[in-house]
Amino acid sequence: NNYCMGWFRQAPGKEREFVAAVTYRGSRIDYADS
């Protein structure tokens, strides 16, 4: 409860980048444009 959960990815030689996330309350979701 009360945790936002996210997915990130990191390709070789690149910075770790945001992919997607979902909140616990309200089920708010967002994604990287890619």
PDB file of all heavy atoms in Angstrom:
ATOM      1  N   ASN A   1       0.826  -1.196   0.000  1.00  0.00           N
ATOM      2  CA  ASN A   1       0.000   0.000   0.000  1.00  0.00           C
ATOM      3  C   ASN A   1       0.867   1.256   0.000  1.00  0.00           C
ATOM      4  O   ASN A   1       1.943   1.295   0.596  1.00  0.00           O
ATOM      5  CB  ASN A   1      -0.926  -0.004   1.204  1.00  0.00           C
ATOM      6  CG  ASN A   1      -2.084   0.963   1.061  1.00  0.00           C
ATOM      7  OD1 ASN A   1      -2.381   1.452  -0.026  1.00  0.00           O
ATOM      8  ND2 ASN A   1      -2.744   1.236   2.177  1.00  0.00           N
ATOM      9  N   ASN A   2       0.371   2.296  -0.680  1.00  0.00           N
ATOM     10  CA  ASN A   2       0.990   3.616  -0.727  1.00  0.00           C
ATOM     11  C   ASN A   2       2.309   3.669  -1.484  1.00  0.00           C
ATOM     12  O   ASN A   2       3.068   4.623  -1.345  1.00  0.00           O
ATOM     13  CB  ASN A   2       1.174   4.192   0.676  1.00  0.00           C
ATOM     14  CG  ASN A   2      -0.136   4.404   1.397  1.00  0.00           C
ATOM     15  OD1 ASN A   2      -1.115   4.841   0.791  1.00  0.00           O
ATOM     16  ND2 ASN A   2      -0.165   4.105   2.686  1.00  0.00           N
ATOM     17  N   TYR A   3       2.594   2.665  -2.275  1.00  0.00           N
ATOM     18  CA  TYR A   3       3.804   2.653  -3.081  1.00  0.00           C
ATOM     19  C   TYR A   3       3.479   2.918  -4.539  1.00  0.00           C
ATOM     20  O   TYR A   3       2.597   2.281  -5.115  1.00  0.00           O
ATOM     21  CB  TYR A   3       4.549   1.321  -2.970  1.00  0.00           C
ATOM     22  CG  TYR A   3       5.421   1.229  -1.748  1.00  0.00           C
ATOM     23  CD1 TYR A   3       4.914   0.751  -0.550  1.00  0.00           C
ATOM     24  CD2 TYR A   3       6.752   1.625  -1.799  1.00  0.00           C
ATOM     25  CE1 TYR A   3       5.709   0.680   0.581  1.00  0.00           C
ATOM     26  CE2 TYR A   3       7.551   1.552  -0.679  1.00  0.00           C
ATOM     27  CZ  TYR A   3       7.035   1.078   0.501  1.00  0.00           C
ATOM     28  OH  TYR A   3       7.826   1.001   1.625  1.00  0.00           O
ATOM     29  N   CYS A   4       4.207   3.855  -5.119  1.00  0.00           N
ATOM     30  CA  CYS A   4       4.236   4.002  -6.561  1.00  0.00           C
ATOM     31  C   CYS A   4       5.249   2.996  -7.107  1.00  0.00           C
ATOM     32  O   CYS A   4       6.372   2.908  -6.601  1.00  0.00           O
ATOM     33  CB  CYS A   4       4.631   5.420  -6.947  1.00  0.00           C
ATOM     34  SG  CYS A   4       4.757   5.706  -8.723  1.00  0.00           S
ATOM     35  N   MET A   5       4.848   2.243  -8.104  1.00  0.00           N
ATOM     36  CA  MET A   5       5.705   1.234  -8.695  1.00  0.00           C
ATOM     37  C   MET A   5       6.080   1.656 -10.103  1.00  0.00           C
ATOM     38  O   MET A   5       5.211   2.047 -10.885  1.00  0.00           O
ATOM     39  CB  MET A   5       5.008  -0.120  -8.735  1.00  0.00           C
ATOM     40  CG  MET A   5       4.549  -0.625  -7.378  1.00  0.00           C
ATOM     41  SD  MET A   5       5.935  -0.985  -6.260  1.00  0.00           S
ATOM     42  CE  MET A   5       6.788  -2.269  -7.175  1.00  0.00           C
ATOM     43  N   GLY A   6       7.356   1.567 -10.403  1.00  0.00           N
ATOM     44  CA  GLY A   6       7.834   1.994 -11.705  1.00  0.00           C
ATOM     45  C   GLY A   6       8.682   0.949 -12.389  1.00  0.00           C
ATOM     46  O   GLY A   6       9.238   0.052 -11.751  1.00  0.00           O
ATOM     47  N   TRP A   7       8.751   1.078 -13.692  1.00  0.00           N
ATOM     48  CA  TRP A   7       9.664   0.287 -14.511  1.00  0.00           C
ATOM     49  C   TRP A   7      10.634   1.228 -15.208  1.00  0.00           C
ATOM     50  O   TRP A   7      10.220   2.242 -15.778  1.00  0.00           O
ATOM     51  CB  TRP A   7       8.927  -0.542 -15.561  1.00  0.00           C
ATOM     52  CG  TRP A   7       8.211  -1.737 -15.015  1.00  0.00           C
ATOM     53  CD1 TRP A   7       6.897  -1.840 -14.699  1.00  0.00           C
ATOM     54  CD2 TRP A   7       8.790  -3.015 -14.745  1.00  0.00           C
ATOM     55  NE1 TRP A   7       6.614  -3.103 -14.241  1.00  0.00           N
ATOM     56  CE2 TRP A   7       7.753  -3.847 -14.257  1.00  0.00           C
ATOM     57  CE3 TRP A   7      10.078  -3.545 -14.864  1.00  0.00           C
ATOM     58  CZ2 TRP A   7       7.970  -5.174 -13.887  1.00  0.00           C
ATOM     59  CZ3 TRP A   7      10.292  -4.863 -14.495  1.00  0.00           C
ATOM     60  CH2 TRP A   7       9.245  -5.659 -14.015  1.00  0.00           C
ATOM     61  N   PHE A   8      11.897   0.888 -15.143  1.00  0.00           N
ATOM     62  CA  PHE A   8      12.959   1.619 -15.817  1.00  0.00           C
ATOM     63  C   PHE A   8      13.760   0.654 -16.666  1.00  0.00           C
ATOM     64  O   PHE A   8      13.694  -0.554 -16.478  1.00  0.00           O
ATOM     65  CB  PHE A   8      13.873   2.309 -14.803  1.00  0.00           C
ATOM     66  CG  PHE A   8      13.217   3.428 -14.048  1.00  0.00           C
ATOM     67  CD1 PHE A   8      12.328   3.167 -13.017  1.00  0.00           C
ATOM     68  CD2 PHE A   8      13.481   4.749 -14.367  1.00  0.00           C
ATOM     69  CE1 PHE A   8      11.719   4.188 -12.317  1.00  0.00           C
ATOM     70  CE2 PHE A   8      12.885   5.789 -13.678  1.00  0.00           C
ATOM     71  CZ  PHE A   8      12.000   5.505 -12.656  1.00  0.00           C
ATOM     72  N   ARG A   9      14.529   1.189 -17.584  1.00  0.00           N
ATOM     73  CA  ARG A   9      15.395   0.341 -18.385  1.00  0.00           C
ATOM     74  C   ARG A   9      16.712   1.042 -18.638  1.00  0.00           C
ATOM     75  O   ARG A   9      16.792   2.269 -18.643  1.00  0.00           O
ATOM     76  CB  ARG A   9      14.734  -0.050 -19.706  1.00  0.00           C
ATOM     77  CG  ARG A   9      14.489   1.102 -20.675  1.00  0.00           C
ATOM     78  CD  ARG A   9      13.689   0.621 -21.871  1.00  0.00           C
ATOM     79  NE  ARG A   9      13.480   1.670 -22.854  1.00  0.00           N
ATOM     80  CZ  ARG A   9      12.725   1.545 -23.928  1.00  0.00           C
ATOM     81  NH1 ARG A   9      12.083   0.396 -24.168  1.00  0.00           N
ATOM     82  NH2 ARG A   9      12.595   2.556 -24.781  1.00  0.00           N
ATOM     83  N   GLN A  10      17.736   0.248 -18.848  1.00  0.00           N
ATOM     84  CA  GLN A  10      19.058   0.778 -19.094  1.00  0.00           C
ATOM     85  C   GLN A  10      19.744  -0.054 -20.165  1.00  0.00           C
ATOM     86  O   GLN A  10      19.985  -1.248 -19.976  1.00  0.00           O
ATOM     87  CB  GLN A  10      19.895   0.792 -17.816  1.00  0.00           C
ATOM     88  CG  GLN A  10      21.231   1.484 -17.966  1.00  0.00           C
ATOM     89  CD  GLN A  10      21.899   1.735 -16.627  1.00  0.00           C
ATOM     90  OE1 GLN A  10      21.533   1.137 -15.615  1.00  0.00           O
ATOM     91  NE2 GLN A  10      22.877   2.617 -16.606  1.00  0.00           N
ATOM     92  N   ALA A  11      20.045   0.586 -21.276  1.00  0.00           N
ATOM     93  CA  ALA A  11      20.776  -0.041 -22.358  1.00  0.00           C
ATOM     94  C   ALA A  11      22.266   0.191 -22.151  1.00  0.00           C
ATOM     95  O   ALA A  11      22.670   1.129 -21.452  1.00  0.00           O
ATOM     96  CB  ALA A  11      20.330   0.520 -23.700  1.00  0.00           C
ATOM     97  N   PRO A  12      23.113  -0.645 -22.745  1.00  0.00           N
ATOM     98  CA  PRO A  12      24.555  -0.475 -22.585  1.00  0.00           C
ATOM     99  C   PRO A  12      25.022   0.917 -22.975  1.00  0.00           C
ATOM    100  O   PRO A  12      24.664   1.426 -24.042  1.00  0.00           O
ATOM    101  CB  PRO A  12      25.144  -1.537 -23.517  1.00  0.00           C
ATOM    102  CG  PRO A  12      24.087  -2.594 -23.582  1.00  0.00           C
ATOM    103  CD  PRO A  12      22.780  -1.835 -23.544  1.00  0.00           C
ATOM    104  N   GLY A  13      25.788   1.545 -22.104  1.00  0.00           N
ATOM    105  CA  GLY A  13      26.328   2.861 -22.380  1.00  0.00           C
ATOM    106  C   GLY A  13      25.353   4.004 -22.223  1.00  0.00           C
ATOM    107  O   GLY A  13      25.708   5.148 -22.529  1.00  0.00           O
ATOM    108  N   LYS A  14      24.154   3.732 -21.763  1.00  0.00           N
ATOM    109  CA  LYS A  14      23.148   4.766 -21.616  1.00  0.00           C
ATOM    110  C   LYS A  14      22.682   4.877 -20.171  1.00  0.00           C
ATOM    111  O   LYS A  14      22.883   3.974 -19.361  1.00  0.00           O
ATOM    112  CB  LYS A  14      21.951   4.493 -22.532  1.00  0.00           C
ATOM    113  CG  LYS A  14      22.276   4.516 -24.012  1.00  0.00           C
ATOM    114  CD  LYS A  14      21.031   4.347 -24.853  1.00  0.00           C
ATOM    115  CE  LYS A  14      21.346   4.426 -26.330  1.00  0.00           C
ATOM    116  NZ  LYS A  14      20.127   4.264 -27.164  1.00  0.00           N
ATOM    117  N   GLU A  15      22.054   6.007 -19.868  1.00  0.00           N
ATOM    118  CA  GLU A  15      21.508   6.223 -18.545  1.00  0.00           C
ATOM    119  C   GLU A  15      20.224   5.430 -18.360  1.00  0.00           C
ATOM    120  O   GLU A  15      19.521   5.112 -19.321  1.00  0.00           O
ATOM    121  CB  GLU A  15      21.241   7.712 -18.320  1.00  0.00           C
ATOM    122  CG  GLU A  15      22.480   8.589 -18.357  1.00  0.00           C
ATOM    123  CD  GLU A  15      23.403   8.309 -17.202  1.00  0.00           C
ATOM    124  OE1 GLU A  15      22.902   8.087 -16.078  1.00  0.00           O
ATOM    125  OE2 GLU A  15      24.623   8.307 -17.406  1.00  0.00           O
ATOM    126  N   ARG A  16      19.943   5.118 -17.122  1.00  0.00           N
ATOM    127  CA  ARG A  16      18.689   4.460 -16.813  1.00  0.00           C
ATOM    128  C   ARG A  16      17.530   5.422 -17.073  1.00  0.00           C
ATOM    129  O   ARG A  16      17.563   6.577 -16.642  1.00  0.00           O
ATOM    130  CB  ARG A  16      18.687   4.004 -15.354  1.00  0.00           C
ATOM    131  CG  ARG A  16      17.562   3.061 -14.994  1.00  0.00           C
ATOM    132  CD  ARG A  16      17.773   2.452 -13.615  1.00  0.00           C
ATOM    133  NE  ARG A  16      19.011   1.693 -13.551  1.00  0.00           N
ATOM    134  CZ  ARG A  16      19.405   0.994 -12.492  1.00  0.00           C
ATOM    135  NH1 ARG A  16      18.642   0.952 -11.411  1.00  0.00           N
ATOM    136  NH2 ARG A  16      20.554   0.348 -12.517  1.00  0.00           N
ATOM    137  N   GLU A  17      16.515   4.950 -17.780  1.00  0.00           N
ATOM    138  CA  GLU A  17      15.427   5.817 -18.182  1.00  0.00           C
ATOM    139  C   GLU A  17      14.075   5.284 -17.731  1.00  0.00           C
ATOM    140  O   GLU A  17      13.859   4.078 -17.612  1.00  0.00           O
ATOM    141  CB  GLU A  17      15.421   6.018 -19.702  1.00  0.00           C
ATOM    142  CG  GLU A  17      15.135   4.759 -20.496  1.00  0.00           C
ATOM    143  CD  GLU A  17      15.046   5.013 -21.992  1.00  0.00           C
ATOM    144  OE1 GLU A  17      15.190   6.184 -22.417  1.00  0.00           O
ATOM    145  OE2 GLU A  17      14.833   4.039 -22.754  1.00  0.00           O
ATOM    146  N   PHE A  18      13.179   6.210 -17.516  1.00  0.00           N
ATOM    147  CA  PHE A  18      11.820   5.892 -17.114  1.00  0.00           C
ATOM    148  C   PHE A  18      11.070   5.201 -18.230  1.00  0.00           C
ATOM    149  O   PHE A  18      11.162   5.594 -19.392  1.00  0.00           O
ATOM    150  CB  PHE A  18      11.096   7.186 -16.724  1.00  0.00           C
ATOM    151  CG  PHE A  18       9.624   7.026 -16.469  1.00  0.00           C
ATOM    152  CD1 PHE A  18       9.163   6.572 -15.246  1.00  0.00           C
ATOM    153  CD2 PHE A  18       8.702   7.342 -17.445  1.00  0.00           C
ATOM    154  CE1 PHE A  18       7.810   6.431 -15.001  1.00  0.00           C
ATOM    155  CE2 PHE A  18       7.344   7.209 -17.218  1.00  0.00           C
ATOM    156  CZ  PHE A  18       6.908   6.749 -15.988  1.00  0.00           C
ATOM    157  N   VAL A  19      10.316   4.175 -17.878  1.00  0.00           N
ATOM    158  CA  VAL A  19       9.491   3.456 -18.840  1.00  0.00           C
ATOM    159  C   VAL A  19       8.009   3.629 -18.524  1.00  0.00           C
ATOM    160  O   VAL A  19       7.221   4.047 -19.369  1.00  0.00           O
ATOM    161  CB  VAL A  19       9.843   1.959 -18.880  1.00  0.00           C
ATOM    162  CG1 VAL A  19       8.886   1.204 -19.806  1.00  0.00           C
ATOM    163  CG2 VAL A  19      11.280   1.761 -19.337  1.00  0.00           C
ATOM    164  N   ALA A  20       7.629   3.307 -17.298  1.00  0.00           N
ATOM    165  CA  ALA A  20       6.223   3.375 -16.908  1.00  0.00           C
ATOM    166  C   ALA A  20       6.122   3.355 -15.396  1.00  0.00           C
ATOM    167  O   ALA A  20       7.031   2.898 -14.706  1.00  0.00           O
ATOM    168  CB  ALA A  20       5.427   2.210 -17.506  1.00  0.00           C
ATOM    169  N   ALA A  21       5.006   3.842 -14.876  1.00  0.00           N
ATOM    170  CA  ALA A  21       4.769   3.808 -13.441  1.00  0.00           C
ATOM    171  C   ALA A  21       3.277   3.778 -13.164  1.00  0.00           C
ATOM    172  O   ALA A  21       2.475   4.272 -13.965  1.00  0.00           O
ATOM    173  CB  ALA A  21       5.411   5.010 -12.745  1.00  0.00           C
ATOM    174  N   VAL A  22       2.916   3.212 -12.035  1.00  0.00           N
ATOM    175  CA  VAL A  22       1.528   3.153 -11.601  1.00  0.00           C
ATOM    176  C   VAL A  22       1.470   3.383 -10.102  1.00  0.00           C
ATOM    177  O   VAL A  22       2.281   2.840  -9.344  1.00  0.00           O
ATOM    178  CB  VAL A  22       0.875   1.802 -11.983  1.00  0.00           C
ATOM    179  CG1 VAL A  22       1.665   0.624 -11.410  1.00  0.00           C
ATOM    180  CG2 VAL A  22      -0.575   1.756 -11.523  1.00  0.00           C
ATOM    181  N   THR A  23       0.532   4.207  -9.667  1.00  0.00           N
ATOM    182  CA  THR A  23       0.352   4.471  -8.246  1.00  0.00           C
ATOM    183  C   THR A  23      -0.607   3.461  -7.642  1.00  0.00           C
ATOM    184  O   THR A  23      -1.368   2.783  -8.341  1.00  0.00           O
ATOM    185  CB  THR A  23      -0.193   5.882  -8.001  1.00  0.00           C
ATOM    186  OG1 THR A  23      -1.502   6.002  -8.605  1.00  0.00           O
ATOM    187  CG2 THR A  23       0.722   6.934  -8.605  1.00  0.00           C
ATOM    188  N   TYR A  24      -0.561   3.347  -6.320  1.00  0.00           N
ATOM    189  CA  TYR A  24      -1.465   2.433  -5.640  1.00  0.00           C
ATOM    190  C   TYR A  24      -2.864   3.022  -5.508  1.00  0.00           C
ATOM    191  O   TYR A  24      -3.852   2.391  -5.872  1.00  0.00           O
ATOM    192  CB  TYR A  24      -0.921   2.070  -4.261  1.00  0.00           C
ATOM    193  CG  TYR A  24      -1.776   1.052  -3.538  1.00  0.00           C
ATOM    194  CD1 TYR A  24      -1.587  -0.307  -3.743  1.00  0.00           C
ATOM    195  CD2 TYR A  24      -2.777   1.455  -2.658  1.00  0.00           C
ATOM    196  CE1 TYR A  24      -2.364  -1.247  -3.091  1.00  0.00           C
ATOM    197  CE2 TYR A  24      -3.563   0.514  -2.003  1.00  0.00           C
ATOM    198  CZ  TYR A  24      -3.356  -0.829  -2.220  1.00  0.00           C
ATOM    199  OH  TYR A  24      -4.138  -1.755  -1.571  1.00  0.00           O
ATOM    200  N   ARG A  25      -2.942   4.226  -4.975  1.00  0.00           N
ATOM    201  CA  ARG A  25      -4.225   4.894  -4.814  1.00  0.00           C
ATOM    202  C   ARG A  25      -4.554   5.700  -6.065  1.00  0.00           C
ATOM    203  O   ARG A  25      -3.743   6.495  -6.525  1.00  0.00           O
ATOM    204  CB  ARG A  25      -4.205   5.816  -3.605  1.00  0.00           C
ATOM    205  CG  ARG A  25      -4.011   5.108  -2.275  1.00  0.00           C
ATOM    206  CD  ARG A  25      -4.072   6.097  -1.125  1.00  0.00           C
ATOM    207  NE  ARG A  25      -5.377   6.758  -1.056  1.00  0.00           N
ATOM    208  CZ  ARG A  25      -5.670   7.769  -0.242  1.00  0.00           C
ATOM    209  NH1 ARG A  25      -4.739   8.239   0.579  1.00  0.00           N
ATOM    210  NH2 ARG A  25      -6.879   8.306  -0.259  1.00  0.00           N
ATOM    211  N   GLY A  26      -5.709   5.456  -6.612  1.00  0.00           N
ATOM    212  CA  GLY A  26      -6.164   6.170  -7.783  1.00  0.00           C
ATOM    213  C   GLY A  26      -5.748   5.547  -9.097  1.00  0.00           C
ATOM    214  O   GLY A  26      -6.235   5.964 -10.159  1.00  0.00           O
ATOM    215  N   SER A  27      -4.834   4.591  -9.044  1.00  0.00           N
ATOM    216  CA  SER A  27      -4.395   3.873 -10.236  1.00  0.00           C
ATOM    217  C   SER A  27      -3.931   4.814 -11.345  1.00  0.00           C
ATOM    218  O   SER A  27      -4.222   4.592 -12.525  1.00  0.00           O
ATOM    219  CB  SER A  27      -5.521   2.966 -10.753  1.00  0.00           C
ATOM    220  OG  SER A  27      -5.865   2.001  -9.784  1.00  0.00           O
ATOM    221  N   ARG A  28      -3.216   5.860 -10.970  1.00  0.00           N
ATOM    222  CA  ARG A  28      -2.660   6.762 -11.971  1.00  0.00           C
ATOM    223  C   ARG A  28      -1.485   6.101 -12.662  1.00  0.00           C
ATOM    224  O   ARG A  28      -0.646   5.478 -12.008  1.00  0.00           O
ATOM    225  CB  ARG A  28      -2.233   8.081 -11.327  1.00  0.00           C
ATOM    226  CG  ARG A  28      -3.390   8.869 -10.752  1.00  0.00           C
ATOM    227  CD  ARG A  28      -2.932  10.204 -10.208  1.00  0.00           C
ATOM    228  NE  ARG A  28      -4.051  10.963  -9.656  1.00  0.00           N
ATOM    229  CZ  ARG A  28      -3.950  12.193  -9.185  1.00  0.00           C
ATOM    230  NH1 ARG A  28      -2.785  12.817  -9.175  1.00  0.00           N
ATOM    231  NH2 ARG A  28      -5.026  12.803  -8.696  1.00  0.00           N
ATOM    232  N   ILE A  29      -1.431   6.259 -13.966  1.00  0.00           N
ATOM    233  CA  ILE A  29      -0.448   5.584 -14.798  1.00  0.00           C
ATOM    234  C   ILE A  29       0.150   6.562 -15.794  1.00  0.00           C
ATOM    235  O   ILE A  29      -0.544   7.445 -16.306  1.00  0.00           O
ATOM    236  CB  ILE A  29      -1.094   4.398 -15.551  1.00  0.00           C
ATOM    237  CG1 ILE A  29      -1.556   3.319 -14.570  1.00  0.00           C
ATOM    238  CG2 ILE A  29      -0.142   3.813 -16.583  1.00  0.00           C
ATOM    239  CD1 ILE A  29      -2.352   2.203 -15.212  1.00  0.00           C
ATOM    240  N   ASP A  30       1.422   6.398 -16.080  1.00  0.00           N
ATOM    241  CA  ASP A  30       2.044   7.163 -17.141  1.00  0.00           C
ATOM    242  C   ASP A  30       3.147   6.328 -17.778  1.00  0.00           C
ATOM    243  O   ASP A  30       3.686   5.409 -17.158  1.00  0.00           O
ATOM    244  CB  ASP A  30       2.604   8.491 -16.639  1.00  0.00           C
ATOM    245  CG  ASP A  30       2.711   9.523 -17.753  1.00  0.00           C
ATOM    246  OD1 ASP A  30       2.301   9.230 -18.894  1.00  0.00           O
ATOM    247  OD2 ASP A  30       3.206  10.631 -17.484  1.00  0.00           O
ATOM    248  N   TYR A  31       3.478   6.684 -19.025  1.00  0.00           N
ATOM    249  CA  TYR A  31       4.465   5.963 -19.804  1.00  0.00           C
ATOM    250  C   TYR A  31       5.422   6.929 -20.478  1.00  0.00           C
ATOM    251  O   TYR A  31       5.069   8.072 -20.764  1.00  0.00           O
ATOM    252  CB  TYR A  31       3.803   5.131 -20.904  1.00  0.00           C
ATOM    253  CG  TYR A  31       2.810   4.104 -20.426  1.00  0.00           C
ATOM    254  CD1 TYR A  31       1.462   4.412 -20.293  1.00  0.00           C
ATOM    255  CD2 TYR A  31       3.227   2.813 -20.117  1.00  0.00           C
ATOM    256  CE1 TYR A  31       0.550   3.467 -19.868  1.00  0.00           C
ATOM    257  CE2 TYR A  31       2.320   1.860 -19.688  1.00  0.00           C
ATOM    258  CZ  TYR A  31       0.986   2.193 -19.563  1.00  0.00           C
ATOM    259  OH  TYR A  31       0.083   1.245 -19.139  1.00  0.00           O
ATOM    260  N   ALA A  32       6.608   6.436 -20.751  1.00  0.00           N
ATOM    261  CA  ALA A  32       7.506   7.181 -21.607  1.00  0.00           C
ATOM    262  C   ALA A  32       6.929   7.229 -23.013  1.00  0.00           C
ATOM    263  O   ALA A  32       6.253   6.294 -23.456  1.00  0.00           O
ATOM    264  CB  ALA A  32       8.889   6.531 -21.628  1.00  0.00           C
ATOM    265  N   ASP A  33       7.189   8.319 -23.722  1.00  0.00           N
ATOM    266  CA  ASP A  33       6.651   8.465 -25.071  1.00  0.00           C
ATOM    267  C   ASP A  33       7.082   7.317 -25.982  1.00  0.00           C
ATOM    268  O   ASP A  33       6.329   6.909 -26.871  1.00  0.00           O
ATOM    269  CB  ASP A  33       7.098   9.792 -25.678  1.00  0.00           C
ATOM    270  CG  ASP A  33       6.415  10.986 -25.042  1.00  0.00           C
ATOM    271  OD1 ASP A  33       5.352  10.813 -24.409  1.00  0.00           O
ATOM    272  OD2 ASP A  33       6.944  12.107 -25.188  1.00  0.00           O
ATOM    273  N   SER A  34       8.252   6.791 -25.754  1.00  0.00           N
ATOM    274  CA  SER A  34       8.787   5.757 -26.621  1.00  0.00           C
ATOM    275  C   SER A  34       8.038   4.429 -26.522  1.00  0.00           C
ATOM    276  O   SER A  34       8.167   3.584 -27.412  1.00  0.00           O
ATOM    277  CB  SER A  34      10.270   5.525 -26.315  1.00  0.00           C
ATOM    278  OG  SER A  34      10.453   5.146 -24.963  1.00  0.00           O
TER     279      SER A  34
END
